[in-house]
Amino acid sequence: MKTKITAIPMIAVLLLAFLAAGFTAKADARFIGIDEIRPGMRGKALTVLEGTKIESFGVEILGLTTGTGRVGSLILIRTYGPALRESGGIASGMSGSPVFIGNRLLGAISYTFANADPSYGLVTPIADMLALWDYQDDYMDDKMALAEFAGGQSVSIAGQSYRGISFGYGQAQANARTQAPGQELTALGISYGILKAIPVTAPVYLSGFGQRTGSAIKSFLGEKGVSAAASATTPVLNSSTEIIASFEPGSAIGLQLMIGDLGISSIGTLTWMENGRFVAFGHPVLSKGNVALLATGAKVFRTISSSAVPSKLAINTQPVGIITQDRSAGLAGRFGQLPAMLPVEVQVTDQDTGNKVVLKSSVILDSDLTPTLAAMAVIEGLDRALDRVGAGSARIDFEVLTAGARADLRRQNLFYHRADVAGVAIMDLLGYINFLLQNSFEEVLPLAVNVSAVVCDDNLSAVIADAYVAQDTVLPGAEVDLSVLLRPYRGSLTKITIPIKIPENALP
């Protein structure tokens, strides 16, 4: 009896302690919840408009709308102030810009509206963003979502009335900037009067790629709902790269899919950081859930106005950490730890002209993205050496090194194509990396890809005219000579001899 009587108060004490701890976490005075905000409240947002200096601009709360994915609600805002007048409104690259009501963090600017007044936007609540630190399961909402304003009321922006907001992922998102409001929704049975919400991350910038490879990557990323544009430069990642984590809410922050001589990158804004962890952007980039993307610093050259959506012109700077989550509420990661990346080195020589090209880059490790991005690096090297797209032969030597060396591959092959030798020559490598990363047997970690190629204009292909052995009968374990007659392109028959060892266990 005593045990039972004393256990009840103890359970009650533990329960109260648990509830108190939960209440304290939810009621963190540094943050303001959506249940505390009211239309008409004013605050400020922080972002970098030029260089690395953080500037502020005004924010007015207009109301709430249901969110997208696992984000329950988004906050409709109007921005104002001298800084925003100069930039022309909420700009691409401002995603993640923290919004404070007083000294309490409300969340991050994450969306603006296509072909509408760019001073209006949406804020992702900080509670949803901080929850990214606890995520373990994969989640991706890649469907068109329609959210109505709270209470079913319409909202007037620049004299036009809207009854709700659409959030599109996939190719519709990439096309959002060029379509009239609601245009792409008509085919889905959704009427006009809908604001099209688009993430205000900067486009994914490509650097070092030529016209052919750049267009291919834009198309590849476009299928995943990501728009891409040309950029000037990209930082280099190596073992001696210094990690500098001098950040605060409002700082520009970047991500890299590829780094080195060839680069694929984007920038946004840091929302919050503590204990070496950070959250940013306020919306997904690739919607891939658990990820291992390179986080970098960023420098903004200038923020320019536009008739569509204003944009930050910026470059990524030094690597600073790893992005581990890419979900509905934004990106989350850690400073001071860099992700494993796949070094890809390409050396190409054109034996006709003497042109030599060496490209060194590192690609993120992702079963969906890595094969194509690595293949594009090889095509870029071949295109630069040939300085054309067309017929020719390519002798390719490549090796893929893996952890434990169990799946190491070294391969030589000769390719000829009458229209695009570079495009054909990478098929072996593309197929093997695809198999390696997506095989159904065990996880394999690739450590490096090294490609050496010699290209020329000549057609070095040949057709096998005949093949035979001199002996009528051979014994198990014996060695025989296989004679092969080859007919080179526009050439005379040539005979080569290939020694073949008959297996010891072969049937006589």
Protein backbone atom coordinates (compact mmCIF):
# COMPACT_ATOMS: atom_id res chain seq x y z
CA MET A 1 0.00 0.00 0.00
CA LYS A 2 2.76 2.42 0.87
CA THR A 3 4.39 1.82 -2.46
CA LYS A 4 1.17 2.56 -4.29
CA ILE A 5 0.40 5.70 -2.27
CA THR A 6 3.86 7.20 -2.68
CA ALA A 7 4.06 6.34 -6.38
CA ILE A 8 1.06 8.47 -7.32
CA PRO A 9 2.56 11.79 -6.16
CA MET A 10 5.88 10.85 -7.79
CA ILE A 11 4.18 10.25 -11.14
CA ALA A 12 2.32 13.52 -10.74
CA VAL A 13 5.56 15.35 -10.00
CA LEU A 14 7.26 13.84 -13.05
CA LEU A 15 4.26 14.65 -15.24
CA LEU A 16 4.15 18.23 -14.02
CA ALA A 17 7.89 18.58 -14.57
CA PHE A 18 7.51 17.22 -18.11
CA LEU A 19 4.63 19.56 -18.89
CA ALA A 20 6.49 22.49 -17.39
CA ALA A 21 9.54 21.73 -19.49
CA GLY A 22 7.39 21.50 -22.61
CA PHE A 23 5.58 24.71 -21.74
CA THR A 24 8.88 26.51 -21.19
CA ALA A 25 10.19 25.37 -24.59
CA LYS A 26 7.00 26.46 -26.35
CA ALA A 27 6.92 29.78 -24.53
CA ASP A 28 10.53 30.74 -25.26
CA ALA A 29 10.52 34.52 -24.86
CA ARG A 30 12.86 34.94 -27.83
CA PHE A 31 10.12 33.84 -30.23
CA ILE A 32 6.56 34.97 -30.91
CA GLY A 33 3.94 32.41 -31.91
CA ILE A 34 1.27 32.87 -34.55
CA ASP A 35 -1.40 32.75 -31.84
CA GLU A 36 0.03 36.01 -30.46
CA ILE A 37 0.02 38.07 -33.63
CA ARG A 38 -2.74 40.35 -34.86
CA PRO A 39 -3.32 42.22 -38.13
CA GLY A 40 -1.73 45.65 -38.00
CA MET A 41 1.24 44.60 -35.86
CA ARG A 42 4.50 46.05 -37.11
CA GLY A 43 8.08 44.89 -36.87
CA LYS A 44 11.27 44.66 -38.90
CA ALA A 45 13.05 42.20 -41.17
CA LEU A 46 16.81 41.80 -41.60
CA THR A 47 18.71 41.01 -44.79
CA VAL A 48 21.84 41.87 -46.79
CA LEU A 49 21.24 44.19 -49.74
CA GLU A 50 24.88 44.83 -50.64
CA GLY A 51 28.18 43.32 -49.50
CA THR A 52 27.77 41.61 -46.12
CA LYS A 53 26.12 44.46 -44.19
CA ILE A 54 22.78 43.54 -42.62
CA GLU A 55 20.04 46.13 -43.12
CA SER A 56 16.48 46.35 -41.82
CA PHE A 57 13.12 47.24 -43.35
CA GLY A 58 9.59 47.52 -42.03
CA VAL A 59 7.04 44.70 -41.89
CA GLU A 60 3.29 44.91 -41.26
CA ILE A 61 1.21 41.83 -40.39
CA LEU A 62 -1.88 41.49 -42.60
CA GLY A 63 -3.21 38.06 -41.63
CA LEU A 64 -2.78 34.29 -41.77
CA THR A 65 -3.20 31.69 -44.48
CA THR A 66 -2.98 27.93 -44.28
CA GLY A 67 0.48 26.68 -45.16
CA THR A 68 1.98 24.07 -47.44
CA GLY A 69 3.41 20.66 -46.61
CA ARG A 70 3.97 20.38 -42.86
CA VAL A 71 3.90 24.13 -42.34
CA GLY A 72 0.49 24.66 -40.74
CA SER A 73 0.15 28.41 -41.31
CA LEU A 74 1.95 31.18 -43.16
CA ILE A 75 1.78 34.86 -42.28
CA LEU A 76 0.82 37.41 -44.93
CA ILE A 77 2.89 40.60 -44.67
CA ARG A 78 3.46 43.94 -46.32
CA THR A 79 7.00 45.31 -46.35
CA TYR A 80 7.99 48.96 -46.50
CA GLY A 81 10.83 51.40 -45.91
CA PRO A 82 13.74 53.06 -47.77
CA ALA A 83 15.72 49.83 -48.18
CA LEU A 84 12.78 48.10 -49.87
CA ARG A 85 12.01 51.07 -52.11
CA GLU A 86 15.56 50.96 -53.45
CA SER A 87 15.48 47.22 -54.14
CA GLY A 88 11.96 47.29 -55.54
CA GLY A 89 10.42 45.00 -52.93
CA ILE A 90 11.00 41.48 -51.65
CA ALA A 91 13.85 40.15 -53.78
CA SER A 92 15.08 36.71 -54.77
CA GLY A 93 17.76 35.88 -52.21
CA MET A 94 15.79 37.34 -49.29
CA SER A 95 14.24 34.00 -48.39
CA GLY A 96 15.10 33.31 -44.78
CA SER A 97 15.21 37.00 -43.83
CA PRO A 98 14.20 36.99 -40.13
CA VAL A 99 11.13 39.01 -39.09
CA PHE A 100 11.06 40.43 -35.56
CA ILE A 101 8.09 41.86 -33.68
CA GLY A 102 9.81 43.95 -31.06
CA ASN A 103 12.77 41.80 -30.07
CA ARG A 104 10.96 38.50 -30.64
CA LEU A 105 11.52 36.41 -33.76
CA LEU A 106 8.35 35.66 -35.73
CA GLY A 107 9.83 33.67 -38.61
CA ALA A 108 11.39 34.03 -42.05
CA ILE A 109 10.27 35.75 -45.23
CA SER A 110 9.89 32.83 -47.61
CA TYR A 111 7.55 33.65 -50.50
CA THR A 112 6.49 36.56 -52.65
CA PHE A 113 3.88 36.59 -55.41
CA ALA A 114 4.34 36.22 -59.16
CA ASN A 115 3.25 39.25 -61.19
CA ALA A 116 1.94 41.06 -58.12
CA ASP A 117 3.15 43.89 -55.89
CA PRO A 118 6.58 42.65 -54.65
CA SER A 119 6.19 44.45 -51.33
CA TYR A 120 3.81 41.67 -50.23
CA GLY A 121 4.97 38.25 -49.12
CA LEU A 122 4.63 35.34 -46.73
CA VAL A 123 6.50 34.42 -43.55
CA THR A 124 7.20 30.86 -42.39
CA PRO A 125 6.74 30.68 -38.58
CA ILE A 126 9.94 30.11 -36.61
CA ALA A 127 8.39 27.18 -34.70
CA ASP A 128 8.09 25.20 -37.94
CA MET A 129 11.66 26.06 -38.90
CA LEU A 130 13.15 25.08 -35.54
CA ALA A 131 11.32 21.75 -35.80
CA LEU A 132 13.67 20.94 -38.70
CA TRP A 133 16.37 20.26 -36.10
CA ASP A 134 14.32 17.32 -34.85
CA TYR A 135 13.36 15.80 -38.21
CA GLN A 136 14.32 12.22 -38.93
CA ASP A 137 11.73 10.97 -41.43
CA ASP A 138 11.71 11.92 -45.11
CA TYR A 139 8.94 14.16 -46.32
CA MET A 140 8.29 15.84 -49.63
CA ASP A 141 5.13 17.62 -50.71
CA ASP A 142 5.51 18.12 -54.45
CA LYS A 143 1.86 18.62 -55.31
CA MET A 144 -0.02 21.81 -56.09
CA ALA A 145 -1.54 23.12 -52.86
CA LEU A 146 -4.26 25.73 -52.52
CA ALA A 147 -4.61 27.74 -49.31
CA GLU A 148 -7.43 30.12 -48.47
CA PHE A 149 -7.04 33.14 -46.24
CA ALA A 150 -8.12 32.76 -42.63
CA GLY A 151 -11.87 33.13 -42.20
CA GLY A 152 -12.47 32.68 -45.92
CA GLN A 153 -12.08 36.42 -46.50
CA SER A 154 -10.44 37.87 -49.59
CA VAL A 155 -7.41 40.15 -49.53
CA SER A 156 -6.93 43.21 -51.72
CA ILE A 157 -3.45 43.85 -53.13
CA ALA A 158 -2.83 46.76 -55.48
CA GLY A 159 -6.55 47.06 -56.15
CA GLN A 160 -7.10 43.39 -57.03
CA SER A 161 -8.99 41.00 -54.78
CA TYR A 162 -7.57 37.54 -54.04
CA ARG A 163 -9.30 34.70 -52.22
CA GLY A 164 -6.32 32.44 -51.66
CA ILE A 165 -2.77 31.40 -52.45
CA SER A 166 -1.37 28.52 -54.50
CA PHE A 167 1.95 26.84 -53.76
CA GLY A 168 3.35 25.02 -56.76
CA TYR A 169 6.32 22.67 -56.81
CA GLY A 170 7.85 21.04 -59.85
CA GLN A 171 7.98 22.62 -63.30
CA ALA A 172 5.04 24.93 -62.51
CA GLN A 173 7.17 26.64 -59.90
CA ALA A 174 10.00 27.20 -62.37
CA ASN A 175 7.59 28.83 -64.81
CA ALA A 176 5.79 30.96 -62.23
CA ARG A 177 7.63 34.18 -62.99
CA THR A 178 6.44 34.31 -66.58
CA GLN A 179 2.79 33.39 -66.13
CA ALA A 180 -0.17 35.56 -65.29
CA PRO A 181 -1.69 35.02 -61.82
CA GLY A 182 -3.71 31.82 -61.87
CA GLN A 183 -2.84 31.01 -65.51
CA GLU A 184 -1.20 27.66 -64.78
CA LEU A 185 -4.00 26.83 -62.33
CA THR A 186 -6.80 27.07 -64.89
CA ALA A 187 -5.87 23.70 -66.38
CA LEU A 188 -6.18 22.23 -62.89
CA GLY A 189 -9.73 23.52 -62.48
CA ILE A 190 -8.75 26.36 -60.14
CA SER A 191 -10.20 29.76 -61.01
CA TYR A 192 -8.59 33.19 -61.11
CA GLY A 193 -8.28 35.36 -58.00
CA ILE A 194 -5.45 33.19 -56.68
CA LEU A 195 -2.02 34.55 -55.75
CA LYS A 196 0.83 32.40 -57.01
CA ALA A 197 3.39 32.07 -54.18
CA ILE A 198 6.98 31.58 -55.33
CA PRO A 199 10.00 31.04 -53.08
CA VAL A 200 12.26 34.08 -52.85
CA THR A 201 15.49 32.15 -52.93
CA ALA A 202 17.88 33.31 -55.64
CA PRO A 203 18.00 31.12 -58.75
CA VAL A 204 20.51 28.28 -58.76
CA TYR A 205 23.57 29.82 -60.38
CA LEU A 206 25.78 27.89 -62.81
CA SER A 207 29.43 28.83 -63.29
CA GLY A 208 32.02 27.43 -65.70
CA PHE A 209 29.53 25.54 -67.87
CA GLY A 210 29.25 26.10 -71.61
CA GLN A 211 26.05 26.64 -73.53
CA ARG A 212 25.36 22.95 -74.12
CA THR A 213 26.06 21.66 -70.60
CA GLY A 214 24.48 24.73 -69.00
CA SER A 215 21.25 24.20 -70.93
CA ALA A 216 21.23 20.50 -70.03
CA ILE A 217 21.63 21.24 -66.31
CA LYS A 218 18.95 23.95 -66.42
CA SER A 219 16.56 21.43 -67.95
CA PHE A 220 17.57 18.73 -65.45
CA LEU A 221 17.03 21.03 -62.45
CA GLY A 222 13.91 22.53 -64.01
CA GLU A 223 12.25 19.11 -63.87
CA LYS A 224 12.78 19.31 -60.11
CA GLY A 225 11.18 22.75 -59.86
CA VAL A 226 14.46 24.68 -59.63
CA SER A 227 15.28 27.56 -61.98
CA ALA A 228 18.92 28.14 -62.94
CA ALA A 229 20.91 31.09 -64.29
CA ALA A 230 24.49 31.85 -65.31
CA SER A 231 26.94 33.20 -62.72
CA ALA A 232 30.47 34.54 -62.68
CA THR A 233 32.46 32.36 -60.31
CA THR A 234 32.37 29.74 -57.59
CA PRO A 235 34.68 29.07 -54.62
CA VAL A 236 37.12 26.17 -54.54
CA LEU A 237 36.82 23.42 -51.93
CA ASN A 238 39.95 21.66 -50.74
CA SER A 239 41.36 20.14 -47.57
CA SER A 240 42.93 23.44 -46.48
CA THR A 241 39.74 25.49 -46.90
CA GLU A 242 39.28 27.67 -43.84
CA ILE A 243 35.84 27.44 -42.24
CA ILE A 244 34.61 30.84 -41.10
CA ALA A 245 31.26 30.89 -39.29
CA SER A 246 30.78 34.60 -38.61
CA PHE A 247 27.02 34.73 -38.98
CA GLU A 248 23.97 36.28 -37.36
CA PRO A 249 20.27 36.41 -38.25
CA GLY A 250 19.97 38.32 -41.52
CA SER A 251 23.36 37.25 -42.92
CA ALA A 252 23.51 35.98 -46.49
CA ILE A 253 24.09 32.23 -46.67
CA GLY A 254 24.55 29.94 -49.66
CA LEU A 255 24.38 26.32 -50.71
CA GLN A 256 26.45 24.41 -53.29
CA LEU A 257 25.60 21.36 -55.38
CA MET A 258 28.95 21.52 -57.19
CA ILE A 259 32.09 23.46 -56.35
CA GLY A 260 35.45 24.07 -58.03
CA ASP A 261 36.14 24.81 -61.71
CA LEU A 262 32.45 24.12 -62.28
CA GLY A 263 29.86 25.39 -59.83
CA ILE A 264 26.15 25.08 -59.04
CA SER A 265 25.02 27.29 -56.16
CA SER A 266 22.27 29.41 -54.66
CA ILE A 267 21.89 31.97 -51.89
CA GLY A 268 19.32 32.92 -49.29
CA THR A 269 19.31 34.38 -45.80
CA LEU A 270 20.10 32.97 -42.36
CA THR A 271 17.07 33.10 -40.07
CA TRP A 272 18.34 31.85 -36.71
CA MET A 273 21.35 30.10 -35.18
CA GLU A 274 22.27 28.64 -31.81
CA ASN A 275 24.76 26.07 -30.52
CA GLY A 276 26.37 25.72 -33.94
CA ARG A 277 23.06 24.93 -35.68
CA PHE A 278 21.12 27.14 -38.09
CA VAL A 279 17.86 27.42 -40.02
CA ALA A 280 17.47 29.41 -43.24
CA PHE A 281 15.40 30.11 -46.40
CA GLY A 282 11.96 29.32 -44.92
CA HIS A 283 11.03 27.11 -47.88
CA PRO A 284 12.47 24.01 -49.59
CA VAL A 285 15.02 24.17 -52.40
CA LEU A 286 15.01 20.59 -53.70
CA SER A 287 12.46 19.17 -51.21
CA LYS A 288 14.71 16.15 -50.66
CA GLY A 289 14.30 15.79 -46.89
CA ASN A 290 17.52 14.44 -45.37
CA VAL A 291 20.40 15.88 -47.37
CA ALA A 292 24.12 16.62 -47.14
CA LEU A 293 24.60 19.90 -49.01
CA LEU A 294 27.52 22.28 -48.70
CA ALA A 295 26.69 25.53 -46.86
CA THR A 296 28.73 28.61 -47.76
CA GLY A 297 28.94 32.27 -47.01
CA ALA A 298 27.72 34.75 -49.62
CA LYS A 299 28.49 38.26 -50.79
CA VAL A 300 25.81 40.43 -52.38
CA PHE A 301 26.99 42.78 -55.13
CA ARG A 302 23.71 44.63 -55.42
CA THR A 303 19.97 44.13 -55.12
CA ILE A 304 18.20 45.24 -58.29
CA SER A 305 14.55 45.94 -59.00
CA SER A 306 12.62 44.09 -61.70
CA SER A 307 9.20 44.14 -63.33
CA ALA A 308 8.80 40.48 -62.29
CA VAL A 309 10.64 39.82 -59.01
CA PRO A 310 13.60 41.90 -57.72
CA SER A 311 16.80 39.91 -57.26
CA LYS A 312 20.08 39.90 -55.37
CA LEU A 313 23.19 39.62 -57.52
CA ALA A 314 25.56 37.60 -55.36
CA ILE A 315 28.28 34.97 -55.22
CA ASN A 316 28.97 32.18 -52.78
CA THR A 317 32.12 32.57 -50.72
CA GLN A 318 33.92 30.19 -48.34
CA PRO A 319 32.43 26.86 -47.19
CA VAL A 320 31.07 27.13 -43.65
CA GLY A 321 29.07 24.00 -42.86
CA ILE A 322 26.57 21.35 -43.88
CA ILE A 323 22.86 21.57 -44.73
CA THR A 324 21.16 18.45 -43.38
CA GLN A 325 17.45 19.14 -43.92
CA ASP A 326 15.60 20.46 -46.99
CA ARG A 327 11.87 20.47 -46.22
CA SER A 328 8.65 22.48 -46.32
CA ALA A 329 9.76 24.87 -43.57
CA GLY A 330 13.20 25.56 -45.04
CA LEU A 331 16.78 24.42 -44.62
CA ALA A 332 18.58 23.38 -41.44
CA GLY A 333 22.19 22.53 -40.80
CA ARG A 334 25.34 22.90 -38.74
CA PHE A 335 28.34 25.18 -38.90
CA GLY A 336 31.91 23.86 -38.77
CA GLN A 337 31.29 20.48 -40.42
CA LEU A 338 31.57 20.00 -44.18
CA PRO A 339 29.68 17.30 -46.11
CA ALA A 340 31.45 14.53 -47.97
CA MET A 341 31.57 15.39 -51.67
CA LEU A 342 32.68 13.46 -54.74
CA PRO A 343 35.83 14.86 -56.42
CA VAL A 344 35.59 14.64 -60.21
CA GLU A 345 38.76 15.29 -62.23
CA VAL A 346 38.60 15.42 -66.02
CA GLN A 347 41.64 15.60 -68.32
CA VAL A 348 41.03 15.81 -72.07
CA THR A 349 43.51 16.15 -74.95
CA ASP A 350 42.57 16.89 -78.56
CA GLN A 351 45.31 15.13 -80.53
CA ASP A 352 44.47 17.11 -83.69
CA THR A 353 44.87 20.59 -82.20
CA GLY A 354 46.92 19.92 -79.09
CA ASN A 355 44.24 21.50 -76.88
CA LYS A 356 44.42 20.26 -73.28
CA VAL A 357 41.72 20.78 -70.67
CA VAL A 358 41.81 19.93 -66.97
CA LEU A 359 38.71 20.45 -64.81
CA LYS A 360 38.58 19.74 -61.07
CA SER A 361 35.26 19.92 -59.26
CA SER A 362 33.44 18.30 -56.35
CA VAL A 363 29.82 17.15 -56.53
CA ILE A 364 27.33 16.49 -53.72
CA LEU A 365 26.65 12.84 -52.96
CA ASP A 366 23.05 12.16 -53.92
CA SER A 367 21.79 9.10 -55.78
CA ASP A 368 19.49 11.25 -57.91
CA LEU A 369 21.77 14.21 -58.70
CA THR A 370 25.37 12.93 -58.61
CA PRO A 371 25.41 10.78 -61.79
CA THR A 372 24.08 13.54 -64.04
CA LEU A 373 26.21 16.31 -62.51
CA ALA A 374 29.38 14.20 -62.76
CA ALA A 375 28.57 13.32 -66.38
CA MET A 376 28.05 17.00 -67.20
CA ALA A 377 31.55 17.74 -65.88
CA VAL A 378 33.00 15.18 -68.31
CA ILE A 379 30.99 16.50 -71.26
CA GLU A 380 32.13 20.04 -70.43
CA GLY A 381 35.77 18.89 -70.55
CA LEU A 382 35.26 17.15 -73.89
CA ASP A 383 33.40 20.13 -75.34
CA ARG A 384 36.14 22.55 -74.29
CA ALA A 385 38.91 20.42 -75.79
CA LEU A 386 37.05 19.86 -79.07
CA ASP A 387 35.66 23.42 -79.09
CA ARG A 388 32.72 22.08 -81.05
CA VAL A 389 29.86 19.58 -80.95
CA GLY A 390 30.08 16.99 -83.69
CA ALA A 391 31.67 13.85 -85.13
CA GLY A 392 34.84 12.28 -83.82
CA SER A 393 36.42 9.53 -81.78
CA ALA A 394 37.15 9.52 -78.06
CA ARG A 395 39.33 7.09 -76.16
CA ILE A 396 38.10 7.20 -72.56
CA ASP A 397 39.96 5.90 -69.51
CA PHE A 398 38.09 6.33 -66.25
CA GLU A 399 38.23 5.06 -62.70
CA VAL A 400 35.68 5.27 -59.92
CA LEU A 401 37.24 4.74 -56.50
CA THR A 402 35.05 3.63 -53.59
CA ALA A 403 35.36 3.19 -49.83
CA GLY A 404 36.77 -0.25 -49.15
CA ALA A 405 37.72 -0.63 -52.83
CA ARG A 406 35.17 -3.44 -53.29
CA ALA A 407 33.41 -1.63 -56.12
CA ASP A 408 36.39 0.17 -57.67
CA LEU A 409 36.12 0.28 -61.44
CA ARG A 410 38.77 1.04 -64.03
CA ARG A 411 37.66 0.95 -67.62
CA GLN A 412 38.94 1.82 -71.10
CA ASN A 413 36.74 2.23 -74.13
CA LEU A 414 36.71 3.78 -77.59
CA PHE A 415 33.72 5.68 -78.94
CA TYR A 416 32.84 7.16 -82.29
CA HIS A 417 29.77 9.14 -83.22
CA ARG A 418 28.92 10.99 -86.40
CA ALA A 419 27.04 13.81 -84.63
CA ASP A 420 28.04 14.07 -80.94
CA VAL A 421 31.05 12.09 -79.76
CA ALA A 422 31.14 13.80 -76.34
CA GLY A 423 27.51 12.95 -75.61
CA VAL A 424 28.08 9.27 -76.44
CA ALA A 425 31.44 8.97 -74.69
CA ILE A 426 30.04 9.63 -71.21
CA MET A 427 27.37 6.91 -71.32
CA ASP A 428 29.63 4.25 -69.75
CA LEU A 429 30.51 6.47 -66.80
CA LEU A 430 26.95 7.70 -66.33
CA GLY A 431 25.61 4.16 -66.30
CA TYR A 432 28.17 2.91 -63.80
CA ILE A 433 27.71 5.76 -61.29
CA ASN A 434 23.95 5.32 -61.58
CA PHE A 435 24.29 1.62 -60.82
CA LEU A 436 26.75 2.25 -57.99
CA LEU A 437 24.54 4.75 -56.15
CA GLN A 438 21.20 3.07 -56.84
CA ASN A 439 22.13 -0.61 -56.61
CA SER A 440 19.74 -2.78 -54.59
CA PHE A 441 22.43 -4.77 -52.75
CA GLU A 442 24.31 -2.42 -50.43
CA GLU A 443 25.22 1.22 -49.97
CA VAL A 444 28.49 2.16 -51.66
CA LEU A 445 30.37 5.39 -50.99
CA PRO A 446 32.24 6.69 -54.06
CA LEU A 447 35.44 8.54 -53.16
CA ALA A 448 36.66 9.93 -56.48
CA VAL A 449 36.04 9.91 -60.22
CA ASN A 450 39.05 10.38 -62.53
CA VAL A 451 38.58 10.62 -66.29
CA SER A 452 41.28 10.85 -68.96
CA ALA A 453 40.30 11.21 -72.61
CA VAL A 454 41.97 11.66 -75.99
CA VAL A 455 39.75 12.94 -78.79
CA CYS A 456 40.22 13.41 -82.52
CA ASP A 457 38.23 14.11 -85.67
CA ASP A 458 39.00 10.73 -87.30
CA ASN A 459 36.66 7.77 -87.27
CA LEU A 460 38.64 5.13 -85.39
CA SER A 461 35.84 2.57 -85.39
CA ALA A 462 36.09 -0.84 -87.04
CA VAL A 463 33.74 -3.70 -87.91
CA ILE A 464 34.51 -7.33 -87.04
CA ALA A 465 34.52 -9.17 -90.35
CA ASP A 466 35.43 -12.61 -88.99
CA ALA A 467 36.74 -14.41 -85.90
CA TYR A 468 38.14 -17.96 -85.64
CA VAL A 469 40.58 -20.32 -83.91
CA ALA A 470 42.95 -22.68 -85.73
CA GLN A 471 42.22 -25.73 -83.58
CA ASP A 472 39.12 -27.82 -84.01
CA THR A 473 39.37 -29.19 -80.48
CA VAL A 474 40.73 -27.60 -77.31
CA LEU A 475 41.19 -29.00 -73.82
CA PRO A 476 40.19 -27.45 -70.48
CA GLY A 477 42.98 -25.20 -69.18
CA ALA A 478 44.58 -24.80 -72.62
CA GLU A 479 45.37 -21.46 -74.24
CA VAL A 480 44.24 -20.76 -77.79
CA ASP A 481 44.74 -17.87 -80.17
CA LEU A 482 41.59 -16.14 -81.39
CA SER A 483 42.15 -14.52 -84.77
CA VAL A 484 39.96 -11.49 -85.46
CA LEU A 485 39.63 -9.79 -88.84
CA LEU A 486 38.77 -6.09 -88.49
CA ARG A 487 37.67 -3.72 -91.21
CA PRO A 488 38.53 -0.16 -90.09
CA TYR A 489 36.41 2.69 -91.36
CA ARG A 490 37.35 3.12 -95.04
CA GLY A 491 40.40 0.91 -94.50
CA SER A 492 41.73 -2.52 -95.40
CA LEU A 493 41.19 -5.71 -93.45
CA THR A 494 43.46 -6.03 -90.45
CA LYS A 495 44.12 -9.17 -88.44
CA ILE A 496 44.71 -9.16 -84.71
CA THR A 497 45.35 -12.14 -82.44
CA ILE A 498 43.88 -12.42 -78.95
CA PRO A 499 45.11 -15.19 -76.60
CA ILE A 500 42.27 -16.84 -74.69
CA LYS A 501 42.62 -19.11 -71.66
CA ILE A 502 40.08 -21.96 -71.58
CA PRO A 503 38.70 -22.41 -68.02
CA GLU A 504 39.96 -25.47 -66.15
CA ASN A 505 36.40 -26.58 -65.40
CA ALA A 506 35.16 -26.24 -68.99
CA LEU A 507 33.50 -29.33 -70.41
CA PRO A 508 35.65 -31.05 -73.09
